[in-house]
Amino acid sequence: MTQVKLGGQFIRCGFWLLLLGLLMSFGMVLHYVVGAQYPTGDAFLKNVTLWYACPWTLSTAVVLGGSLGMIVIGVVYAMVGSQDAGGGESALPICVVALVAIFLTGYAGYFAVDAMWPSFYYSPITAGKNVWLFMQLGCMVLYAIGVLIAFKGIRRASYALV
């Protein structure tokens, strides 16, 4: 696969995931309109700047930022030329899977963890909060691995330009 073709795939996937992130933003707005599912306690209110008062803020921000990152990676791949992508092809599915997975862990995972530890987010219940956050952290690490693979491919291609 050429770098231009890989760049086009990164751009297309990035734009689709950007739409997913925007759709996720509607869930945050609805959460603010409807309000919290459980009573919020003092511990939650002390942590409200960390949590932004909505459980899906982290996953939404990562999907939005990650999708923009994929678009940038795609543009750079497209600009460096039409030579072989040099192993960067594996970065695309890793990045896509990671961003879809953070959507699933941030949204569906929230309800799954809440079923095991009711009100874990608002109380907060440390065990439930940590399980949920580490699931999201795993997705972010996977995305970072994809970006590092893309970085290596872009770096290798940029040396060929000189």
N, C-alpha and C. Protein backbone atom coordinates (compact mmCIF):
# COMPACT_ATOMS: atom_id res chain seq x y z
N MET A 1 0.86 -1.18 0.00
CA MET A 1 0.00 0.00 0.00
C MET A 1 0.90 1.24 0.00
N THR A 2 0.52 2.23 -0.78
CA THR A 2 1.32 3.45 -0.82
C THR A 2 0.96 4.35 0.36
N GLN A 3 1.84 5.30 0.63
CA GLN A 3 1.59 6.24 1.72
C GLN A 3 0.38 7.12 1.43
N VAL A 4 0.18 7.48 0.17
CA VAL A 4 -0.96 8.32 -0.18
C VAL A 4 -2.26 7.57 0.10
N LYS A 5 -2.30 6.29 -0.29
CA LYS A 5 -3.51 5.49 -0.04
C LYS A 5 -3.75 5.32 1.46
N LEU A 6 -2.68 5.02 2.20
CA LEU A 6 -2.80 4.89 3.65
C LEU A 6 -3.26 6.21 4.27
N GLY A 7 -2.70 7.32 3.77
CA GLY A 7 -3.12 8.64 4.25
C GLY A 7 -4.60 8.87 4.03
N GLY A 8 -5.09 8.50 2.85
CA GLY A 8 -6.52 8.65 2.57
C GLY A 8 -7.37 7.82 3.50
N GLN A 9 -6.92 6.61 3.82
CA GLN A 9 -7.68 5.76 4.75
C GLN A 9 -7.69 6.36 6.16
N PHE A 10 -6.55 6.89 6.60
CA PHE A 10 -6.50 7.56 7.90
C PHE A 10 -7.47 8.74 7.93
N ILE A 11 -7.47 9.53 6.88
CA ILE A 11 -8.35 10.71 6.83
C ILE A 11 -9.81 10.28 6.87
N ARG A 12 -10.19 9.30 6.05
CA ARG A 12 -11.59 8.85 6.04
C ARG A 12 -12.02 8.29 7.38
N CYS A 13 -11.21 7.41 7.95
CA CYS A 13 -11.54 6.83 9.26
C CYS A 13 -11.59 7.91 10.33
N GLY A 14 -10.65 8.86 10.25
CA GLY A 14 -10.63 9.95 11.23
C GLY A 14 -11.91 10.77 11.18
N PHE A 15 -12.40 11.05 9.97
CA PHE A 15 -13.63 11.83 9.86
C PHE A 15 -14.84 11.04 10.38
N TRP A 16 -14.90 9.74 10.11
CA TRP A 16 -16.00 8.93 10.65
C TRP A 16 -15.96 8.92 12.18
N LEU A 17 -14.78 8.77 12.74
CA LEU A 17 -14.66 8.77 14.19
C LEU A 17 -14.92 10.15 14.78
N LEU A 18 -14.62 11.20 14.03
CA LEU A 18 -14.96 12.55 14.47
C LEU A 18 -16.48 12.68 14.59
N LEU A 19 -17.19 12.12 13.63
CA LEU A 19 -18.66 12.12 13.72
C LEU A 19 -19.15 11.34 14.94
N LEU A 20 -18.48 10.21 15.24
CA LEU A 20 -18.83 9.45 16.43
C LEU A 20 -18.61 10.30 17.68
N GLY A 21 -17.50 11.01 17.74
CA GLY A 21 -17.22 11.88 18.89
C GLY A 21 -18.25 12.98 19.04
N LEU A 22 -18.67 13.55 17.91
CA LEU A 22 -19.72 14.57 17.98
C LEU A 22 -21.04 13.98 18.45
N LEU A 23 -21.34 12.77 17.99
CA LEU A 23 -22.55 12.09 18.47
C LEU A 23 -22.46 11.82 19.97
N MET A 24 -21.28 11.44 20.44
CA MET A 24 -21.08 11.22 21.86
C MET A 24 -21.32 12.50 22.66
N SER A 25 -21.00 13.64 22.06
CA SER A 25 -21.22 14.93 22.73
C SER A 25 -22.68 15.16 23.04
N PHE A 26 -23.57 14.66 22.17
CA PHE A 26 -25.00 14.79 22.44
C PHE A 26 -25.39 14.06 23.72
N GLY A 27 -24.73 12.90 23.97
CA GLY A 27 -24.99 12.18 25.21
C GLY A 27 -24.60 13.00 26.43
N MET A 28 -23.51 13.74 26.32
CA MET A 28 -23.10 14.60 27.43
C MET A 28 -24.11 15.71 27.66
N VAL A 29 -24.59 16.32 26.58
CA VAL A 29 -25.58 17.39 26.72
C VAL A 29 -26.86 16.85 27.34
N LEU A 30 -27.30 15.68 26.89
CA LEU A 30 -28.51 15.09 27.48
C LEU A 30 -28.31 14.77 28.95
N HIS A 31 -27.09 14.34 29.31
CA HIS A 31 -26.81 14.08 30.72
C HIS A 31 -26.96 15.35 31.54
N TYR A 32 -26.48 16.46 31.01
CA TYR A 32 -26.62 17.74 31.72
C TYR A 32 -28.07 18.16 31.81
N VAL A 33 -28.85 17.90 30.76
CA VAL A 33 -30.27 18.29 30.75
C VAL A 33 -31.06 17.45 31.75
N VAL A 34 -30.86 16.14 31.72
CA VAL A 34 -31.61 15.22 32.58
C VAL A 34 -31.12 15.27 34.01
N GLY A 35 -29.82 15.39 34.19
CA GLY A 35 -29.24 15.42 35.53
C GLY A 35 -28.68 14.07 35.92
N ALA A 36 -28.08 14.01 37.07
CA ALA A 36 -27.43 12.80 37.56
C ALA A 36 -28.44 11.71 37.86
N GLN A 37 -28.04 10.48 37.63
CA GLN A 37 -28.88 9.32 37.89
C GLN A 37 -28.99 9.05 39.40
N TYR A 38 -27.95 9.42 40.15
CA TYR A 38 -27.90 9.20 41.58
C TYR A 38 -27.66 10.51 42.29
N PRO A 39 -27.94 10.58 43.57
CA PRO A 39 -27.61 11.80 44.32
C PRO A 39 -26.09 12.00 44.35
N THR A 40 -25.68 13.23 44.21
CA THR A 40 -24.26 13.53 44.28
C THR A 40 -23.90 13.91 45.71
N GLY A 41 -22.81 13.37 46.17
CA GLY A 41 -22.38 13.65 47.54
C GLY A 41 -21.26 14.66 47.57
N ASP A 42 -20.77 14.90 48.77
CA ASP A 42 -19.69 15.87 48.96
C ASP A 42 -18.42 15.46 48.21
N ALA A 43 -18.09 14.18 48.23
CA ALA A 43 -16.87 13.72 47.56
C ALA A 43 -16.95 13.99 46.06
N PHE A 44 -18.13 13.80 45.48
CA PHE A 44 -18.29 14.07 44.05
C PHE A 44 -18.12 15.56 43.77
N LEU A 45 -18.73 16.38 44.59
CA LEU A 45 -18.66 17.82 44.36
C LEU A 45 -17.24 18.35 44.53
N LYS A 46 -16.44 17.73 45.39
CA LYS A 46 -15.03 18.13 45.54
C LYS A 46 -14.22 17.74 44.31
N ASN A 47 -14.65 16.71 43.61
CA ASN A 47 -13.95 16.19 42.44
C ASN A 47 -14.57 16.64 41.13
N VAL A 48 -15.55 17.55 41.16
CA VAL A 48 -16.32 17.88 39.96
C VAL A 48 -15.44 18.47 38.85
N THR A 49 -14.35 19.16 39.20
CA THR A 49 -13.49 19.68 38.15
C THR A 49 -12.76 18.55 37.44
N LEU A 50 -12.44 17.47 38.14
CA LEU A 50 -11.82 16.32 37.51
C LEU A 50 -12.80 15.61 36.60
N TRP A 51 -14.01 15.48 37.04
CA TRP A 51 -15.00 14.67 36.32
C TRP A 51 -15.85 15.47 35.35
N TYR A 52 -15.85 16.78 35.44
CA TYR A 52 -16.69 17.63 34.60
C TYR A 52 -18.17 17.29 34.73
N ALA A 53 -18.54 16.63 35.80
CA ALA A 53 -19.93 16.31 36.14
C ALA A 53 -20.62 15.40 35.15
N CYS A 54 -19.92 14.83 34.21
CA CYS A 54 -20.52 13.88 33.26
C CYS A 54 -19.57 12.71 33.09
N PRO A 55 -20.07 11.49 33.24
CA PRO A 55 -19.18 10.33 33.16
C PRO A 55 -18.56 10.10 31.79
N TRP A 56 -19.10 10.67 30.75
CA TRP A 56 -18.61 10.37 29.41
C TRP A 56 -17.65 11.42 28.87
N THR A 57 -17.26 12.37 29.68
CA THR A 57 -16.38 13.44 29.21
C THR A 57 -15.05 12.90 28.72
N LEU A 58 -14.42 12.03 29.47
CA LEU A 58 -13.11 11.51 29.10
C LEU A 58 -13.15 10.77 27.77
N SER A 59 -14.09 9.82 27.63
CA SER A 59 -14.13 9.05 26.39
C SER A 59 -14.48 9.92 25.20
N THR A 60 -15.36 10.89 25.39
CA THR A 60 -15.72 11.79 24.29
C THR A 60 -14.51 12.62 23.87
N ALA A 61 -13.78 13.15 24.83
CA ALA A 61 -12.60 13.96 24.51
C ALA A 61 -11.55 13.13 23.79
N VAL A 62 -11.35 11.88 24.21
CA VAL A 62 -10.34 11.03 23.57
C VAL A 62 -10.76 10.69 22.14
N VAL A 63 -12.03 10.39 21.92
CA VAL A 63 -12.48 10.08 20.56
C VAL A 63 -12.36 11.32 19.66
N LEU A 64 -12.76 12.48 20.16
CA LEU A 64 -12.65 13.69 19.35
C LEU A 64 -11.18 14.02 19.05
N GLY A 65 -10.35 14.03 20.07
CA GLY A 65 -8.93 14.32 19.87
C GLY A 65 -8.23 13.26 19.04
N GLY A 66 -8.55 12.01 19.29
CA GLY A 66 -7.95 10.91 18.54
C GLY A 66 -8.32 10.93 17.08
N SER A 67 -9.57 11.26 16.80
CA SER A 67 -9.99 11.32 15.39
C SER A 67 -9.28 12.46 14.67
N LEU A 68 -9.12 13.59 15.33
CA LEU A 68 -8.36 14.69 14.72
C LEU A 68 -6.91 14.29 14.50
N GLY A 69 -6.35 13.55 15.46
CA GLY A 69 -4.99 13.04 15.30
C GLY A 69 -4.87 12.11 14.10
N MET A 70 -5.87 11.28 13.87
CA MET A 70 -5.85 10.38 12.72
C MET A 70 -5.91 11.17 11.41
N ILE A 71 -6.70 12.23 11.40
CA ILE A 71 -6.79 13.06 10.19
C ILE A 71 -5.43 13.69 9.91
N VAL A 72 -4.76 14.19 10.94
CA VAL A 72 -3.43 14.80 10.76
C VAL A 72 -2.43 13.75 10.27
N ILE A 73 -2.46 12.56 10.87
CA ILE A 73 -1.57 11.49 10.42
C ILE A 73 -1.83 11.18 8.95
N GLY A 74 -3.09 11.12 8.57
CA GLY A 74 -3.44 10.85 7.18
C GLY A 74 -2.93 11.92 6.23
N VAL A 75 -3.06 13.18 6.63
CA VAL A 75 -2.57 14.28 5.78
C VAL A 75 -1.05 14.19 5.62
N VAL A 76 -0.36 13.90 6.70
CA VAL A 76 1.10 13.81 6.63
C VAL A 76 1.51 12.64 5.73
N TYR A 77 0.87 11.48 5.92
CA TYR A 77 1.17 10.34 5.04
C TYR A 77 0.93 10.71 3.58
N ALA A 78 -0.16 11.39 3.30
CA ALA A 78 -0.49 11.76 1.92
C ALA A 78 0.53 12.75 1.35
N MET A 79 1.09 13.58 2.21
CA MET A 79 2.03 14.60 1.73
C MET A 79 3.44 14.07 1.49
N VAL A 80 3.82 13.00 2.19
CA VAL A 80 5.21 12.55 2.07
C VAL A 80 5.48 11.76 0.80
N GLY A 81 4.48 11.41 0.04
CA GLY A 81 4.73 10.80 -1.26
C GLY A 81 4.00 9.51 -1.48
N SER A 82 4.35 8.88 -2.59
CA SER A 82 3.63 7.69 -3.01
C SER A 82 4.46 6.42 -2.86
N GLN A 83 5.50 6.47 -2.06
CA GLN A 83 6.29 5.27 -1.85
C GLN A 83 5.57 4.31 -0.91
N ASP A 84 6.15 3.16 -0.71
CA ASP A 84 5.57 2.15 0.16
C ASP A 84 5.43 2.70 1.57
N ALA A 85 4.34 2.34 2.23
CA ALA A 85 4.05 2.88 3.56
C ALA A 85 5.01 2.36 4.63
N GLY A 86 5.74 1.32 4.35
CA GLY A 86 6.81 0.87 5.23
C GLY A 86 6.37 0.39 6.60
N GLY A 87 5.31 -0.38 6.66
CA GLY A 87 4.88 -0.95 7.94
C GLY A 87 3.87 -0.12 8.70
N GLY A 88 3.57 1.08 8.23
CA GLY A 88 2.61 1.93 8.93
C GLY A 88 1.17 1.47 8.78
N GLU A 89 0.93 0.48 7.92
CA GLU A 89 -0.45 0.02 7.68
C GLU A 89 -1.10 -0.53 8.95
N SER A 90 -0.31 -1.12 9.83
CA SER A 90 -0.88 -1.71 11.04
C SER A 90 -1.37 -0.66 12.02
N ALA A 91 -0.91 0.58 11.87
CA ALA A 91 -1.33 1.65 12.79
C ALA A 91 -2.81 1.98 12.63
N LEU A 92 -3.32 1.92 11.40
CA LEU A 92 -4.70 2.32 11.15
C LEU A 92 -5.70 1.45 11.91
N PRO A 93 -5.67 0.12 11.77
CA PRO A 93 -6.66 -0.66 12.53
C PRO A 93 -6.49 -0.55 14.05
N ILE A 94 -5.25 -0.38 14.50
CA ILE A 94 -5.02 -0.24 15.94
C ILE A 94 -5.68 1.04 16.45
N CYS A 95 -5.49 2.15 15.73
CA CYS A 95 -6.10 3.42 16.14
C CYS A 95 -7.62 3.36 16.10
N VAL A 96 -8.16 2.77 15.04
CA VAL A 96 -9.62 2.67 14.91
C VAL A 96 -10.20 1.81 16.04
N VAL A 97 -9.61 0.64 16.26
CA VAL A 97 -10.10 -0.25 17.33
C VAL A 97 -10.01 0.45 18.68
N ALA A 98 -8.92 1.16 18.93
CA ALA A 98 -8.75 1.83 20.22
C ALA A 98 -9.82 2.89 20.45
N LEU A 99 -10.13 3.68 19.42
CA LEU A 99 -11.13 4.74 19.61
C LEU A 99 -12.54 4.18 19.71
N VAL A 100 -12.85 3.13 18.97
CA VAL A 100 -14.16 2.49 19.12
C VAL A 100 -14.25 1.84 20.50
N ALA A 101 -13.14 1.24 20.95
CA ALA A 101 -13.13 0.60 22.27
C ALA A 101 -13.31 1.61 23.39
N ILE A 102 -12.74 2.80 23.26
CA ILE A 102 -12.93 3.78 24.34
C ILE A 102 -14.36 4.29 24.34
N PHE A 103 -14.98 4.34 23.17
CA PHE A 103 -16.42 4.65 23.13
C PHE A 103 -17.19 3.58 23.89
N LEU A 104 -16.88 2.32 23.61
CA LEU A 104 -17.61 1.23 24.27
C LEU A 104 -17.34 1.18 25.77
N THR A 105 -16.09 1.39 26.18
CA THR A 105 -15.80 1.35 27.62
C THR A 105 -16.33 2.59 28.32
N GLY A 106 -16.28 3.73 27.64
CA GLY A 106 -16.77 4.96 28.26
C GLY A 106 -18.28 4.99 28.42
N TYR A 107 -18.99 4.47 27.43
CA TYR A 107 -20.46 4.48 27.49
C TYR A 107 -21.00 3.17 28.04
N ALA A 108 -20.88 2.10 27.26
CA ALA A 108 -21.43 0.81 27.70
C ALA A 108 -20.71 0.33 28.96
N GLY A 109 -19.40 0.55 29.02
CA GLY A 109 -18.64 0.16 30.20
C GLY A 109 -19.11 0.87 31.46
N TYR A 110 -19.52 2.12 31.31
CA TYR A 110 -20.06 2.86 32.45
C TYR A 110 -21.26 2.12 33.04
N PHE A 111 -22.18 1.70 32.18
CA PHE A 111 -23.39 1.02 32.67
C PHE A 111 -23.08 -0.37 33.22
N ALA A 112 -22.10 -1.05 32.61
CA ALA A 112 -21.71 -2.37 33.12
C ALA A 112 -21.08 -2.25 34.51
N VAL A 113 -20.19 -1.28 34.68
CA VAL A 113 -19.56 -1.09 35.99
C VAL A 113 -20.59 -0.59 37.00
N ASP A 114 -21.50 0.26 36.55
CA ASP A 114 -22.55 0.77 37.44
C ASP A 114 -23.49 -0.34 37.90
N ALA A 115 -23.65 -1.38 37.09
CA ALA A 115 -24.48 -2.52 37.49
C ALA A 115 -23.79 -3.31 38.62
N MET A 116 -22.45 -3.34 38.61
CA MET A 116 -21.71 -4.06 39.66
C MET A 116 -21.52 -3.20 40.90
N TRP A 117 -21.28 -1.90 40.70
CA TRP A 117 -21.08 -0.96 41.81
C TRP A 117 -22.02 0.22 41.61
N PRO A 118 -23.29 0.06 41.99
CA PRO A 118 -24.25 1.16 41.77
C PRO A 118 -23.74 2.48 42.36
N SER A 119 -23.88 3.53 41.60
CA SER A 119 -23.49 4.88 41.99
C SER A 119 -21.98 5.05 42.15
N PHE A 120 -21.19 4.17 41.50
CA PHE A 120 -19.73 4.24 41.65
C PHE A 120 -19.17 5.59 41.23
N TYR A 121 -19.79 6.19 40.25
CA TYR A 121 -19.27 7.45 39.70
C TYR A 121 -19.60 8.62 40.62
N TYR A 122 -20.78 8.62 41.19
CA TYR A 122 -21.24 9.77 41.98
C TYR A 122 -20.87 9.66 43.45
N SER A 123 -20.65 8.46 43.98
CA SER A 123 -20.40 8.30 45.41
C SER A 123 -19.04 8.83 45.86
N PRO A 124 -17.95 8.68 45.31
CA PRO A 124 -17.52 7.66 44.36
C PRO A 124 -17.09 6.39 45.07
N ILE A 125 -17.25 5.27 44.39
CA ILE A 125 -16.78 3.98 44.90
C ILE A 125 -15.46 3.70 44.18
N THR A 126 -14.39 3.70 44.93
CA THR A 126 -13.04 3.65 44.35
C THR A 126 -12.82 2.43 43.47
N ALA A 127 -13.26 1.26 43.92
CA ALA A 127 -13.02 0.04 43.13
C ALA A 127 -13.69 0.14 41.76
N GLY A 128 -14.94 0.55 41.72
CA GLY A 128 -15.66 0.69 40.45
C GLY A 128 -15.06 1.77 39.58
N LYS A 129 -14.72 2.89 40.20
CA LYS A 129 -14.12 4.00 39.46
C LYS A 129 -12.80 3.57 38.83
N ASN A 130 -11.98 2.85 39.59
CA ASN A 130 -10.68 2.42 39.07
C ASN A 130 -10.82 1.40 37.94
N VAL A 131 -11.75 0.46 38.08
CA VAL A 131 -11.97 -0.52 37.00
C VAL A 131 -12.35 0.21 35.72
N TRP A 132 -13.29 1.12 35.83
CA TRP A 132 -13.79 1.86 34.67
C TRP A 132 -12.70 2.74 34.06
N LEU A 133 -11.93 3.43 34.89
CA LEU A 133 -10.86 4.28 34.38
C LEU A 133 -9.73 3.48 33.76
N PHE A 134 -9.38 2.34 34.36
CA PHE A 134 -8.30 1.53 33.79
C PHE A 134 -8.72 0.89 32.47
N MET A 135 -10.01 0.58 32.29
CA MET A 135 -10.47 0.10 30.99
C MET A 135 -10.25 1.18 29.94
N GLN A 136 -10.57 2.42 30.29
CA GLN A 136 -10.36 3.53 29.35
C GLN A 136 -8.88 3.79 29.12
N LEU A 137 -8.08 3.68 30.18
CA LEU A 137 -6.65 3.87 30.05
C LEU A 137 -6.06 2.83 29.09
N GLY A 138 -6.53 1.60 29.17
CA GLY A 138 -6.06 0.56 28.25
C GLY A 138 -6.32 0.93 26.81
N CYS A 139 -7.49 1.51 26.54
CA CYS A 139 -7.81 1.96 25.18
C CYS A 139 -6.91 3.10 24.75
N MET A 140 -6.61 4.01 25.66
CA MET A 140 -5.72 5.13 25.32
C MET A 140 -4.30 4.63 25.04
N VAL A 141 -3.85 3.65 25.79
CA VAL A 141 -2.52 3.07 25.55
C VAL A 141 -2.50 2.39 24.18
N LEU A 142 -3.57 1.68 23.83
CA LEU A 142 -3.65 1.04 22.52
C LEU A 142 -3.60 2.09 21.41
N TYR A 143 -4.32 3.19 21.58
CA TYR A 143 -4.28 4.27 20.59
C TYR A 143 -2.87 4.84 20.48
N ALA A 144 -2.22 5.03 21.60
CA ALA A 144 -0.85 5.56 21.59
C ALA A 144 0.09 4.62 20.85
N ILE A 145 -0.10 3.32 20.98
CA ILE A 145 0.72 2.35 20.25
C ILE A 145 0.50 2.53 18.74
N GLY A 146 -0.75 2.69 18.34
CA GLY A 146 -1.04 2.93 16.93
C GLY A 146 -0.39 4.20 16.42
N VAL A 147 -0.45 5.26 17.22
CA VAL A 147 0.17 6.53 16.82
C VAL A 147 1.70 6.37 16.72
N LEU A 148 2.30 5.64 17.64
CA LEU A 148 3.75 5.42 17.59
C LEU A 148 4.16 4.63 16.35
N ILE A 149 3.34 3.66 15.97
CA ILE A 149 3.63 2.90 14.74
C ILE A 149 3.53 3.84 13.53
N ALA A 150 2.49 4.68 13.50
CA ALA A 150 2.35 5.65 12.41
C ALA A 150 3.52 6.62 12.42
N PHE A 151 3.93 7.05 13.60
CA PHE A 151 5.07 7.97 13.72
C PHE A 151 6.33 7.37 13.11
N LYS A 152 6.57 6.09 13.41
CA LYS A 152 7.75 5.42 12.86
C LYS A 152 7.68 5.39 11.33
N GLY A 153 6.51 5.08 10.78
CA GLY A 153 6.36 5.04 9.33
C GLY A 153 6.54 6.40 8.69
N ILE A 154 5.99 7.43 9.32
CA ILE A 154 6.12 8.79 8.80
C ILE A 154 7.57 9.26 8.91
N ARG A 155 8.19 8.96 10.03
CA ARG A 155 9.59 9.36 10.21
C ARG A 155 10.48 8.71 9.15
N ARG A 156 10.26 7.42 8.92
CA ARG A 156 11.03 6.69 7.90
C ARG A 156 10.80 7.30 6.52
N ALA A 157 9.56 7.63 6.21
CA ALA A 157 9.24 8.23 4.91
C ALA A 157 9.83 9.62 4.78
N SER A 158 9.86 10.37 5.88
CA SER A 158 10.39 11.74 5.79
C SER A 158 11.90 11.73 5.53
N TYR A 159 12.61 10.70 6.00
CA TYR A 159 14.04 10.61 5.72
C TYR A 159 14.29 10.33 4.24
N ALA A 160 13.33 9.68 3.60
CA ALA A 160 13.48 9.40 2.17
C ALA A 160 13.31 10.67 1.34
N LEU A 161 12.72 11.71 1.91
CA LEU A 161 12.52 12.95 1.17
C LEU A 161 13.80 13.75 1.04
N VAL A 162 14.73 13.54 1.95
CA VAL A 162 15.95 14.36 1.97
C VAL A 162 16.98 13.84 1.00
